PDB file of all heavy atoms in Angstrom:
ATOM      1  N   ALA A   1      78.758 121.332-208.136  1.00  0.00           N
ATOM      2  CA  ALA A   1      78.446 120.386-209.223  1.00  0.00           C
ATOM      3  C   ALA A   1      77.761 121.071-210.377  1.00  0.00           C
ATOM      4  O   ALA A   1      77.932 120.582-211.563  1.00  0.00           O
ATOM      5  CB  ALA A   1      77.476 119.219-208.680  1.00  0.00           C
ATOM      6  N   HIS A   2      76.962 122.114-210.186  1.00  0.00           N
ATOM      7  CA  HIS A   2      76.136 122.624-211.232  1.00  0.00           C
ATOM      8  C   HIS A   2      76.425 124.118-211.679  1.00  0.00           C
ATOM      9  O   HIS A   2      76.114 124.407-212.819  1.00  0.00           O
ATOM     10  CB  HIS A   2      74.646 122.591-210.845  1.00  0.00           C
ATOM     11  CG  HIS A   2      74.189 121.160-210.497  1.00  0.00           C
ATOM     12  ND1 HIS A   2      73.970 120.272-211.538  1.00  0.00           N
ATOM     13  CD2 HIS A   2      73.855 120.551-209.437  1.00  0.00           C
ATOM     14  CE1 HIS A   2      73.514 119.059-211.040  1.00  0.00           C
ATOM     15  NE2 HIS A   2      73.549 119.253-209.746  1.00  0.00           N
ATOM     16  N   ALA A   3      76.907 124.853-210.874  1.00  0.00           N
ATOM     17  CA  ALA A   3      77.027 126.317-211.139  1.00  0.00           C
ATOM     18  C   ALA A   3      78.345 126.792-211.767  1.00  0.00           C
ATOM     19  O   ALA A   3      79.322 126.052-211.731  1.00  0.00           O
ATOM     20  CB  ALA A   3      76.766 127.061-209.854  1.00  0.00           C
ATOM     21  N   HIS A   4      78.315 128.013-212.265  1.00  0.00           N
ATOM     22  CA  HIS A   4      79.517 128.657-212.835  1.00  0.00           C
ATOM     23  C   HIS A   4      80.219 129.571-211.728  1.00  0.00           C
ATOM     24  O   HIS A   4      81.406 129.655-211.811  1.00  0.00           O
ATOM     25  CB  HIS A   4      79.205 129.621-213.912  1.00  0.00           C
ATOM     26  CG  HIS A   4      78.334 128.961-214.968  1.00  0.00           C
ATOM     27  ND1 HIS A   4      78.695 127.767-215.621  1.00  0.00           N
ATOM     28  CD2 HIS A   4      77.117 129.298-215.471  1.00  0.00           C
ATOM     29  CE1 HIS A   4      77.800 127.414-216.568  1.00  0.00           C
ATOM     30  NE2 HIS A   4      76.782 128.272-216.456  1.00  0.00           N
ATOM     31  N   LYS A   5      79.472 129.955-210.760  1.00  0.00           N
ATOM     32  CA  LYS A   5      80.011 130.577-209.518  1.00  0.00           C
ATOM     33  C   LYS A   5      78.983 130.596-208.478  1.00  0.00           C
ATOM     34  O   LYS A   5      77.761 130.541-208.861  1.00  0.00           O
ATOM     35  CB  LYS A   5      80.570 131.937-209.871  1.00  0.00           C
ATOM     36  CG  LYS A   5      79.552 132.990-210.257  1.00  0.00           C
ATOM     37  CD  LYS A   5      80.176 134.293-210.720  1.00  0.00           C
ATOM     38  CE  LYS A   5      80.267 135.300-209.651  1.00  0.00           C
ATOM     39  NZ  LYS A   5      80.648 136.664-210.137  1.00  0.00           N
ATOM     40  N   GLY A   6      79.332 130.832-207.231  1.00  0.00           N
ATOM     41  CA  GLY A   6      78.366 130.857-206.151  1.00  0.00           C
ATOM     42  C   GLY A   6      78.875 131.533-204.938  1.00  0.00           C
ATOM     43  O   GLY A   6      80.063 131.522-204.674  1.00  0.00           O
ATOM     44  N   MET A   7      77.935 131.953-204.089  1.00  0.00           N
ATOM     45  CA  MET A   7      78.207 132.539-202.753  1.00  0.00           C
ATOM     46  C   MET A   7      77.347 131.977-201.768  1.00  0.00           C
ATOM     47  O   MET A   7      76.114 131.622-202.023  1.00  0.00           O
ATOM     48  CB  MET A   7      78.035 134.061-202.795  1.00  0.00           C
ATOM     49  CG  MET A   7      79.080 134.806-203.603  1.00  0.00           C
ATOM     50  SD  MET A   7      80.787 134.768-202.873  1.00  0.00           S
ATOM     51  CE  MET A   7      80.506 135.616-201.388  1.00  0.00           C
ATOM     52  N   ILE A   8      77.797 131.889-200.520  1.00  0.00           N
ATOM     53  CA  ILE A   8      77.012 131.512-199.412  1.00  0.00           C
ATOM     54  C   ILE A   8      77.094 132.544-198.423  1.00  0.00           C
ATOM     55  O   ILE A   8      78.178 133.085-198.037  1.00  0.00           O
ATOM     56  CB  ILE A   8      77.559 130.173-198.800  1.00  0.00           C
ATOM     57  CG1 ILE A   8      77.532 128.978-199.804  1.00  0.00           C
ATOM     58  CG2 ILE A   8      76.743 129.746-197.540  1.00  0.00           C
ATOM     59  CD1 ILE A   8      78.241 127.726-199.419  1.00  0.00           C
ATOM     60  N   TYR A   9      75.906 132.944-197.848  1.00  0.00           N
ATOM     61  CA  TYR A   9      75.742 133.973-196.813  1.00  0.00           C
ATOM     62  C   TYR A   9      75.135 133.299-195.600  1.00  0.00           C
ATOM     63  O   TYR A   9      74.078 132.770-195.682  1.00  0.00           O
ATOM     64  CB  TYR A   9      74.961 135.163-197.296  1.00  0.00           C
ATOM     65  CG  TYR A   9      75.450 135.757-198.592  1.00  0.00           C
ATOM     66  CD1 TYR A   9      74.969 135.346-199.778  1.00  0.00           C
ATOM     67  CD2 TYR A   9      76.423 136.660-198.555  1.00  0.00           C
ATOM     68  CE1 TYR A   9      75.434 135.842-201.013  1.00  0.00           C
ATOM     69  CE2 TYR A   9      76.982 137.222-199.713  1.00  0.00           C
ATOM     70  CZ  TYR A   9      76.416 136.793-200.958  1.00  0.00           C
ATOM     71  OH  TYR A   9      76.909 137.304-202.120  1.00  0.00           O
ATOM     72  N   VAL A  10      75.808 133.403-194.429  1.00  0.00           N
ATOM     73  CA  VAL A  10      75.331 132.781-193.197  1.00  0.00           C
ATOM     74  C   VAL A  10      75.161 133.763-192.210  1.00  0.00           C
ATOM     75  O   VAL A  10      76.041 134.605-191.928  1.00  0.00           O
ATOM     76  CB  VAL A  10      76.327 131.689-192.784  1.00  0.00           C
ATOM     77  CG1 VAL A  10      75.838 131.080-191.416  1.00  0.00           C
ATOM     78  CG2 VAL A  10      76.591 130.629-193.806  1.00  0.00           C
ATOM     79  N   THR A  11      73.972 133.806-191.528  1.00  0.00           N
ATOM     80  CA  THR A  11      73.671 134.707-190.419  1.00  0.00           C
ATOM     81  C   THR A  11      73.247 133.799-189.212  1.00  0.00           C
ATOM     82  O   THR A  11      72.314 133.004-189.364  1.00  0.00           O
ATOM     83  CB  THR A  11      72.581 135.724-190.713  1.00  0.00           C
ATOM     84  OG1 THR A  11      72.950 136.418-191.887  1.00  0.00           O
ATOM     85  CG2 THR A  11      72.350 136.624-189.489  1.00  0.00           C
ATOM     86  N   ILE A  12      74.043 133.940-188.077  1.00  0.00           N
ATOM     87  CA  ILE A  12      73.714 133.217-186.886  1.00  0.00           C
ATOM     88  C   ILE A  12      73.126 134.206-185.846  1.00  0.00           C
ATOM     89  O   ILE A  12      73.835 135.181-185.435  1.00  0.00           O
ATOM     90  CB  ILE A  12      74.938 132.431-186.335  1.00  0.00           C
ATOM     91  CG1 ILE A  12      75.521 131.524-187.313  1.00  0.00           C
ATOM     92  CG2 ILE A  12      74.543 131.750-185.045  1.00  0.00           C
ATOM     93  CD1 ILE A  12      76.939 130.998-186.924  1.00  0.00           C
ATOM     94  N   ASP A  13      71.839 133.962-185.448  1.00  0.00           N
ATOM     95  CA  ASP A  13      71.212 134.793-184.456  1.00  0.00           C
ATOM     96  C   ASP A  13      71.096 133.924-183.220  1.00  0.00           C
ATOM     97  O   ASP A  13      71.482 132.758-183.143  1.00  0.00           O
ATOM     98  CB  ASP A  13      69.786 135.176-184.922  1.00  0.00           C
ATOM     99  CG  ASP A  13      69.821 136.241-186.119  1.00  0.00           C
ATOM    100  OD1 ASP A  13      70.592 137.197-185.923  1.00  0.00           O
ATOM    101  OD2 ASP A  13      69.220 136.048-187.067  1.00  0.00           O
ATOM    102  N   ASN A  14      70.505 134.520-182.228  1.00  0.00           N
ATOM    103  CA  ASN A  14      70.342 133.781-180.894  1.00  0.00           C
ATOM    104  C   ASN A  14      69.432 132.583-180.974  1.00  0.00           C
ATOM    105  O   ASN A  14      69.580 131.668-180.187  1.00  0.00           O
ATOM    106  CB  ASN A  14      69.823 134.746-179.780  1.00  0.00           C
ATOM    107  CG  ASN A  14      70.736 135.831-179.457  1.00  0.00           C
ATOM    108  OD1 ASN A  14      71.965 135.650-179.598  1.00  0.00           O
ATOM    109  ND2 ASN A  14      70.241 136.976-179.004  1.00  0.00           N
ATOM    110  N   ASP A  15      68.430 132.587-181.906  1.00  0.00           N
ATOM    111  CA  ASP A  15      67.529 131.474-182.020  1.00  0.00           C
ATOM    112  C   ASP A  15      67.465 130.769-183.282  1.00  0.00           C
ATOM    113  O   ASP A  15      66.610 129.937-183.458  1.00  0.00           O
ATOM    114  CB  ASP A  15      66.106 132.066-181.623  1.00  0.00           C
ATOM    115  CG  ASP A  15      65.656 133.179-182.583  1.00  0.00           C
ATOM    116  OD1 ASP A  15      66.454 133.674-183.341  1.00  0.00           O
ATOM    117  OD2 ASP A  15      64.480 133.466-182.556  1.00  0.00           O
ATOM    118  N   LYS A  16      68.249 131.123-184.256  1.00  0.00           N
ATOM    119  CA  LYS A  16      68.239 130.471-185.626  1.00  0.00           C
ATOM    120  C   LYS A  16      69.507 130.848-186.421  1.00  0.00           C
ATOM    121  O   LYS A  16      70.165 131.728-186.103  1.00  0.00           O
ATOM    122  CB  LYS A  16      66.996 130.978-186.405  1.00  0.00           C
ATOM    123  CG  LYS A  16      67.093 132.477-186.840  1.00  0.00           C
ATOM    124  CD  LYS A  16      65.790 132.877-187.529  1.00  0.00           C
ATOM    125  CE  LYS A  16      65.881 134.358-187.802  1.00  0.00           C
ATOM    126  NZ  LYS A  16      64.702 134.980-188.347  1.00  0.00           N
ATOM    127  N   ILE A  17      69.625 130.036-187.448  1.00  0.00           N
ATOM    128  CA  ILE A  17      70.668 130.306-188.445  1.00  0.00           C
ATOM    129  C   ILE A  17      69.973 130.452-189.781  1.00  0.00           C
ATOM    130  O   ILE A  17      69.121 129.643-190.155  1.00  0.00           O
ATOM    131  CB  ILE A  17      71.729 129.199-188.459  1.00  0.00           C
ATOM    132  CG1 ILE A  17      72.852 129.486-189.450  1.00  0.00           C
ATOM    133  CG2 ILE A  17      71.127 127.851-188.734  1.00  0.00           C
ATOM    134  CD1 ILE A  17      74.061 128.623-189.357  1.00  0.00           C
ATOM    135  N   THR A  18      70.332 131.460-190.459  1.00  0.00           N
ATOM    136  CA  THR A  18      69.824 131.671-191.827  1.00  0.00           C
ATOM    137  C   THR A  18      70.911 131.635-192.795  1.00  0.00           C
ATOM    138  O   THR A  18      71.977 132.192-192.661  1.00  0.00           O
ATOM    139  CB  THR A  18      69.120 133.083-191.928  1.00  0.00           C
ATOM    140  OG1 THR A  18      68.197 133.241-190.832  1.00  0.00           O
ATOM    141  CG2 THR A  18      68.519 133.346-193.216  1.00  0.00           C
ATOM    142  N   ILE A  19      70.675 130.789-193.884  1.00  0.00           N
ATOM    143  CA  ILE A  19      71.686 130.648-194.899  1.00  0.00           C
ATOM    144  C   ILE A  19      71.060 130.938-196.291  1.00  0.00           C
ATOM    145  O   ILE A  19      69.955 130.517-196.578  1.00  0.00           O
ATOM    146  CB  ILE A  19      72.147 129.165-194.948  1.00  0.00           C
ATOM    147  CG1 ILE A  19      72.671 128.765-193.540  1.00  0.00           C
ATOM    148  CG2 ILE A  19      73.234 128.949-196.008  1.00  0.00           C
ATOM    149  CD1 ILE A  19      72.920 127.325-193.362  1.00  0.00           C
ATOM    150  N   LYS A  20      71.775 131.717-197.037  1.00  0.00           N
ATOM    151  CA  LYS A  20      71.264 132.085-198.392  1.00  0.00           C
ATOM    152  C   LYS A  20      72.557 131.673-199.328  1.00  0.00           C
ATOM    153  O   LYS A  20      73.580 132.109-199.152  1.00  0.00           O
ATOM    154  CB  LYS A  20      71.017 133.547-198.546  1.00  0.00           C
ATOM    155  CG  LYS A  20      70.480 133.990-199.892  1.00  0.00           C
ATOM    156  CD  LYS A  20      70.054 135.467-199.833  1.00  0.00           C
ATOM    157  CE  LYS A  20      69.377 135.825-201.119  1.00  0.00           C
ATOM    158  NZ  LYS A  20      68.956 137.235-201.036  1.00  0.00           N
ATOM    159  N   LEU A  21      72.151 130.880-200.357  1.00  0.00           N
ATOM    160  CA  LEU A  21      73.102 130.441-201.321  1.00  0.00           C
ATOM    161  C   LEU A  21      72.659 131.058-202.696  1.00  0.00           C
ATOM    162  O   LEU A  21      71.499 130.766-203.040  1.00  0.00           O
ATOM    163  CB  LEU A  21      73.162 128.903-201.379  1.00  0.00           C
ATOM    164  CG  LEU A  21      73.502 128.179-200.082  1.00  0.00           C
ATOM    165  CD1 LEU A  21      72.304 127.684-199.334  1.00  0.00           C
ATOM    166  CD2 LEU A  21      74.495 127.180-200.283  1.00  0.00           C
ATOM    167  N   GLU A  22      73.542 131.680-203.342  1.00  0.00           N
ATOM    168  CA  GLU A  22      73.241 132.212-204.638  1.00  0.00           C
ATOM    169  C   GLU A  22      74.241 131.699-205.606  1.00  0.00           C
ATOM    170  O   GLU A  22      75.440 131.766-205.361  1.00  0.00           O
ATOM    171  CB  GLU A  22      73.285 133.800-204.588  1.00  0.00           C
ATOM    172  CG  GLU A  22      72.286 134.413-203.673  1.00  0.00           C
ATOM    173  CD  GLU A  22      72.421 135.956-203.589  1.00  0.00           C
ATOM    174  OE1 GLU A  22      73.477 136.452-203.812  1.00  0.00           O
ATOM    175  OE2 GLU A  22      71.328 136.545-203.355  1.00  0.00           O
ATOM    176  N   ASP A  23      73.761 131.265-206.824  1.00  0.00           N
ATOM    177  CA  ASP A  23      74.681 130.823-207.828  1.00  0.00           C
ATOM    178  C   ASP A  23      74.261 131.404-209.219  1.00  0.00           C
ATOM    179  O   ASP A  23      73.151 131.724-209.336  1.00  0.00           O
ATOM    180  CB  ASP A  23      74.863 129.335-207.858  1.00  0.00           C
ATOM    181  CG  ASP A  23      73.684 128.559-208.438  1.00  0.00           C
ATOM    182  OD1 ASP A  23      73.239 128.916-209.537  1.00  0.00           O
ATOM    183  OD2 ASP A  23      73.250 127.544-207.784  1.00  0.00           O
ATOM    184  N   GLU A  24      75.286 131.456-210.048  1.00  0.00           N
ATOM    185  CA  GLU A  24      75.086 131.706-211.471  1.00  0.00           C
ATOM    186  C   GLU A  24      75.332 130.382-212.208  1.00  0.00           C
ATOM    187  O   GLU A  24      76.402 129.815-211.994  1.00  0.00           O
ATOM    188  CB  GLU A  24      76.036 132.790-211.936  1.00  0.00           C
ATOM    189  CG  GLU A  24      75.781 134.099-211.328  1.00  0.00           C
ATOM    190  CD  GLU A  24      76.793 135.168-211.799  1.00  0.00           C
ATOM    191  OE1 GLU A  24      77.467 134.905-212.793  1.00  0.00           O
ATOM    192  OE2 GLU A  24      76.842 136.237-211.138  1.00  0.00           O
ATOM    193  N   GLY A  25      74.343 129.928-212.879  1.00  0.00           N
ATOM    194  CA  GLY A  25      74.445 128.665-213.501  1.00  0.00           C
ATOM    195  C   GLY A  25      73.271 128.322-214.383  1.00  0.00           C
ATOM    196  O   GLY A  25      72.508 129.245-214.803  1.00  0.00           O
ATOM    197  N   PRO A  26      73.016 127.062-214.598  1.00  0.00           N
ATOM    198  CA  PRO A  26      71.999 126.656-215.577  1.00  0.00           C
ATOM    199  C   PRO A  26      70.544 126.887-214.999  1.00  0.00           C
ATOM    200  O   PRO A  26      69.632 126.845-215.739  1.00  0.00           O
ATOM    201  CB  PRO A  26      72.273 125.141-215.741  1.00  0.00           C
ATOM    202  CG  PRO A  26      73.051 124.743-214.528  1.00  0.00           C
ATOM    203  CD  PRO A  26      73.824 125.882-214.122  1.00  0.00           C
ATOM    204  N   GLY A  27      70.451 126.941-213.704  1.00  0.00           N
ATOM    205  CA  GLY A  27      69.143 127.044-213.062  1.00  0.00           C
ATOM    206  C   GLY A  27      68.443 125.704-213.043  1.00  0.00           C
ATOM    207  O   GLY A  27      68.974 124.738-213.513  1.00  0.00           O
ATOM    208  N   ILE A  28      67.278 125.718-212.395  1.00  0.00           N
ATOM    209  CA  ILE A  28      66.550 124.502-212.245  1.00  0.00           C
ATOM    210  C   ILE A  28      65.204 124.541-213.013  1.00  0.00           C
ATOM    211  O   ILE A  28      64.376 125.448-212.614  1.00  0.00           O
ATOM    212  CB  ILE A  28      66.234 124.227-210.729  1.00  0.00           C
ATOM    213  CG1 ILE A  28      67.512 124.111-209.845  1.00  0.00           C
ATOM    214  CG2 ILE A  28      65.412 122.916-210.541  1.00  0.00           C
ATOM    215  CD1 ILE A  28      67.335 124.106-208.380  1.00  0.00           C
ATOM    216  N   PRO A  29      65.039 123.887-214.088  1.00  0.00           N
ATOM    217  CA  PRO A  29      63.850 124.000-214.901  1.00  0.00           C
ATOM    218  C   PRO A  29      62.496 123.699-214.168  1.00  0.00           C
ATOM    219  O   PRO A  29      61.464 124.338-214.377  1.00  0.00           O
ATOM    220  CB  PRO A  29      64.027 123.072-216.006  1.00  0.00           C
ATOM    221  CG  PRO A  29      65.443 122.708-216.067  1.00  0.00           C
ATOM    222  CD  PRO A  29      65.965 122.895-214.665  1.00  0.00           C
ATOM    223  N   ASP A  30      62.534 122.660-213.299  1.00  0.00           N
ATOM    224  CA  ASP A  30      61.375 122.191-212.576  1.00  0.00           C
ATOM    225  C   ASP A  30      61.738 121.931-211.090  1.00  0.00           C
ATOM    226  O   ASP A  30      62.239 120.864-210.769  1.00  0.00           O
ATOM    227  CB  ASP A  30      60.863 120.913-213.263  1.00  0.00           C
ATOM    228  CG  ASP A  30      59.500 120.471-212.743  1.00  0.00           C
ATOM    229  OD1 ASP A  30      59.228 120.728-211.506  1.00  0.00           O
ATOM    230  OD2 ASP A  30      58.787 119.734-213.414  1.00  0.00           O
ATOM    231  N   ILE A  31      61.429 122.858-210.241  1.00  0.00           N
ATOM    232  CA  ILE A  31      61.884 122.745-208.865  1.00  0.00           C
ATOM    233  C   ILE A  31      61.148 121.648-208.226  1.00  0.00           C
ATOM    234  O   ILE A  31      61.711 120.870-207.424  1.00  0.00           O
ATOM    235  CB  ILE A  31      61.626 124.148-208.082  1.00  0.00           C
ATOM    236  CG1 ILE A  31      62.617 125.134-208.664  1.00  0.00           C
ATOM    237  CG2 ILE A  31      61.866 123.961-206.632  1.00  0.00           C
ATOM    238  CD1 ILE A  31      62.466 126.563-208.158  1.00  0.00           C
ATOM    239  N   ASP A  32      59.858 121.392-208.471  1.00  0.00           N
ATOM    240  CA  ASP A  32      59.130 120.341-207.882  1.00  0.00           C
ATOM    241  C   ASP A  32      59.787 118.961-208.245  1.00  0.00           C
ATOM    242  O   ASP A  32      59.943 118.101-207.356  1.00  0.00           O
ATOM    243  CB  ASP A  32      57.636 120.292-208.271  1.00  0.00           C
ATOM    244  CG  ASP A  32      56.866 121.494-207.675  1.00  0.00           C
ATOM    245  OD1 ASP A  32      57.296 121.952-206.606  1.00  0.00           O
ATOM    246  OD2 ASP A  32      55.843 121.890-208.246  1.00  0.00           O
ATOM    247  N   LEU A  33      60.155 118.805-209.464  1.00  0.00           N
ATOM    248  CA  LEU A  33      60.823 117.530-209.878  1.00  0.00           C
ATOM    249  C   LEU A  33      62.178 117.442-209.191  1.00  0.00           C
ATOM    250  O   LEU A  33      62.515 116.349-208.684  1.00  0.00           O
ATOM    251  CB  LEU A  33      60.962 117.541-211.405  1.00  0.00           C
ATOM    252  CG  LEU A  33      61.581 116.256-212.022  1.00  0.00           C
ATOM    253  CD1 LEU A  33      60.751 115.084-211.642  1.00  0.00           C
ATOM    254  CD2 LEU A  33      61.640 116.436-213.569  1.00  0.00           C
ATOM    255  N   ALA A  34      62.905 118.548-209.072  1.00  0.00           N
ATOM    256  CA  ALA A  34      64.179 118.470-208.447  1.00  0.00           C
ATOM    257  C   ALA A  34      64.107 118.178-206.943  1.00  0.00           C
ATOM    258  O   ALA A  34      65.065 117.642-206.372  1.00  0.00           O
ATOM    259  CB  ALA A  34      64.906 119.858-208.626  1.00  0.00           C
TER     260      ALA A  34
END
């Protein structure tokens, strides 16, 4: 909805899943408000 491009990186371990999403876009001016 918001970015110009993006990537998702998923790592599944024995006890957790870690997900990192990176995008190039407008950014979020106020994270607390968002």
